[in-house]
């Protein structure tokens, strides 16, 4: 009986001794519907929103995030698409965890499917040294690729 009692004391006394610390690594990423790419129809005439997310505790200071937009050789700004979001730096204000990047897609009846018809939005830097993309060597969701398709 004494050994059974001792066993339960040790068993329940050890609970919580090896508590796992919560993962607390801030990062900034871009995605839409949990994916890092999507396609848009060549005849689309719409404004689409691609969100940049801050995954962290509430920050008390603004965080500036710089991004770049790169078009493949099959797309031309002002003809196939237009950036609605001005500039290339956005700011997370305290308590804000997502910021939109908006692109106006215009009909492209003469889209050449043999060319690179992608538009890539890539996170370049931030002013707080926060990880860009998902943590890990692959840096997933550091860039978002939109392909205009026929």
Protein backbone atom coordinates (compact mmCIF):
# COMPACT_ATOMS: atom_id res chain seq x y z
CA UNK A 1 0.00 0.00 0.00
CA UNK A 2 2.83 2.38 0.90
CA UNK A 3 4.53 1.77 -2.49
CA UNK A 4 1.28 2.46 -4.35
CA UNK A 5 0.82 5.68 -2.40
CA UNK A 6 4.44 6.70 -3.18
CA UNK A 7 3.90 5.95 -6.87
CA UNK A 8 0.90 8.31 -7.06
CA UNK A 9 2.77 11.04 -5.16
CA UNK A 10 5.67 10.82 -7.62
CA UNK A 11 3.35 10.60 -10.62
CA UNK A 12 1.24 13.63 -9.76
CA UNK A 13 4.13 15.56 -8.22
CA UNK A 14 6.01 15.39 -11.52
CA UNK A 15 3.17 16.87 -13.58
CA UNK A 16 4.11 20.19 -15.08
CA UNK A 17 7.83 19.86 -14.32
CA UNK A 18 8.71 19.69 -18.02
CA UNK A 19 6.34 22.37 -19.22
CA UNK A 20 6.91 23.40 -22.81
CA UNK A 21 7.49 27.10 -23.31
CA UNK A 22 5.09 28.65 -25.85
CA UNK A 23 6.54 29.42 -29.26
CA UNK A 24 7.16 33.14 -29.27
CA UNK A 25 8.99 34.10 -32.43
CA UNK A 26 7.55 37.09 -34.27
CA UNK A 27 7.33 36.93 -38.05
CA UNK A 28 5.76 38.80 -40.96
CA UNK A 29 4.33 36.90 -43.93
CA UNK A 30 2.13 37.35 -46.99
CA UNK A 31 -0.59 34.93 -48.04
CA UNK A 32 -4.13 34.57 -49.32
CA UNK A 33 -6.34 31.68 -48.16
CA UNK A 34 -3.31 30.07 -46.44
CA UNK A 35 -1.46 29.83 -49.76
CA UNK A 36 1.53 31.68 -51.20
CA UNK A 37 0.26 31.72 -54.77
CA UNK A 38 -2.91 32.01 -56.79
CA UNK A 39 -4.06 32.52 -60.34
CA UNK A 40 -6.21 35.24 -61.83
CA UNK A 41 -8.18 34.96 -65.07
CA UNK A 42 -6.76 36.88 -68.04
CA UNK A 43 -10.11 38.67 -68.49
CA UNK A 44 -10.49 39.63 -64.82
CA UNK A 45 -11.49 43.22 -64.17
CA UNK A 46 -11.30 43.46 -60.40
CA UNK A 47 -9.32 44.69 -57.44
CA UNK A 48 -7.80 41.88 -55.39
CA UNK A 49 -6.40 42.12 -51.88
CA UNK A 50 -3.30 40.27 -50.69
CA UNK A 51 -2.65 40.64 -46.96
CA UNK A 52 0.65 40.99 -45.16
CA UNK A 53 0.35 39.56 -41.64
CA UNK A 54 2.24 40.22 -38.42
CA UNK A 55 2.34 37.17 -36.18
CA UNK A 56 3.50 38.34 -32.76
CA UNK A 57 2.47 39.73 -29.42
CA UNK A 58 0.93 43.19 -29.52
CA UNK A 59 3.65 45.64 -30.49
CA UNK A 60 3.82 49.08 -28.90
CA UNK A 61 5.62 50.75 -31.81
CA UNK A 62 4.91 51.07 -35.52
CA UNK A 63 6.61 48.45 -37.69
CA UNK A 64 7.55 49.49 -41.23
CA UNK A 65 7.57 46.70 -43.82
CA UNK A 66 9.08 47.17 -47.27
CA UNK A 67 7.97 45.02 -50.20
CA UNK A 68 8.75 44.88 -53.90
CA UNK A 69 6.56 43.97 -56.84
CA UNK A 70 8.13 42.15 -59.79
CA UNK A 71 6.26 41.47 -63.01
CA UNK A 72 7.23 38.68 -65.39
CA UNK A 73 7.95 39.52 -69.04
CA UNK A 74 4.33 38.76 -70.01
CA UNK A 75 2.74 41.44 -67.82
CA UNK A 76 2.91 45.21 -68.12
CA UNK A 77 1.85 47.67 -65.44
CA UNK A 78 -0.94 49.93 -66.66
CA UNK A 79 -1.99 47.36 -69.28
CA UNK A 80 -2.47 44.06 -67.43
CA UNK A 81 -2.51 45.28 -63.83
CA UNK A 82 -2.16 48.39 -61.71
CA UNK A 83 -0.94 48.71 -58.13
CA UNK A 84 -3.68 50.32 -56.05
CA UNK A 85 -1.54 50.36 -52.89
CA UNK A 86 0.81 53.34 -53.24
CA UNK A 87 4.54 53.07 -52.56
CA UNK A 88 6.40 50.05 -51.27
CA UNK A 89 6.38 50.54 -47.48
CA UNK A 90 3.45 49.76 -45.20
CA UNK A 91 3.16 50.23 -41.42
CA UNK A 92 1.71 47.97 -38.76
CA UNK A 93 0.34 50.33 -36.11
CA UNK A 94 0.09 49.03 -32.52
CA UNK A 95 -2.69 46.43 -32.34
CA UNK A 96 -2.87 45.94 -36.14
CA UNK A 97 -1.91 42.49 -37.42
CA UNK A 98 -2.74 42.59 -41.15
CA UNK A 99 -2.25 45.15 -43.90
CA UNK A 100 -3.65 44.90 -47.43
CA UNK A 101 -1.73 45.19 -50.68
CA UNK A 102 -4.23 45.82 -53.47
CA UNK A 103 -3.82 45.10 -57.17
CA UNK A 104 -6.29 46.12 -59.89
CA UNK A 105 -6.38 43.43 -62.57
CA UNK A 106 -7.35 44.55 -66.07
CA UNK A 107 -8.55 42.39 -68.96
CA UNK A 108 -5.70 41.10 -71.14
CA UNK A 109 -7.29 39.58 -74.26
CA UNK A 110 -3.86 39.36 -75.94
CA UNK A 111 -2.11 37.59 -73.04
CA UNK A 112 0.70 35.39 -74.39
CA UNK A 113 0.62 32.10 -72.45
CA UNK A 114 4.21 31.32 -73.50
CA UNK A 115 5.55 34.26 -71.46
CA UNK A 116 6.06 34.66 -67.72
CA UNK A 117 2.67 36.04 -66.67
CA UNK A 118 3.43 36.28 -62.96
CA UNK A 119 3.32 39.17 -60.54
CA UNK A 120 5.37 38.58 -57.39
CA UNK A 121 4.92 40.56 -54.17
CA UNK A 122 7.97 39.93 -52.00
CA UNK A 123 8.68 41.09 -48.47
CA UNK A 124 12.11 42.76 -48.50
CA UNK A 125 12.74 44.20 -45.03
CA UNK A 126 11.28 45.68 -41.87
CA UNK A 127 12.60 48.20 -39.39
CA UNK A 128 12.45 45.94 -36.31
CA UNK A 129 14.48 42.94 -37.50
CA UNK A 130 11.45 40.62 -37.43
CA UNK A 131 11.68 37.39 -39.45
CA UNK A 132 10.21 37.68 -42.95
CA UNK A 133 8.23 34.65 -44.09
CA UNK A 134 7.40 31.70 -41.92
CA UNK A 135 10.19 30.78 -39.50
CA UNK A 136 12.52 28.14 -40.89
CA UNK A 137 15.06 27.79 -43.67
CA UNK A 138 12.49 27.74 -46.51
CA UNK A 139 11.11 31.22 -45.70
CA UNK A 140 7.68 30.18 -46.97
CA UNK A 141 5.18 33.02 -47.43
CA UNK A 142 7.95 35.59 -47.81
CA UNK A 143 6.60 36.16 -51.30
CA UNK A 144 3.26 35.80 -53.00
CA UNK A 145 3.05 34.85 -56.68
CA UNK A 146 -0.01 35.64 -58.79
CA UNK A 147 -0.20 34.04 -62.24
CA UNK A 148 -2.49 35.50 -64.89
CA UNK A 149 -3.90 32.57 -66.89
CA UNK A 150 -6.02 31.98 -69.99
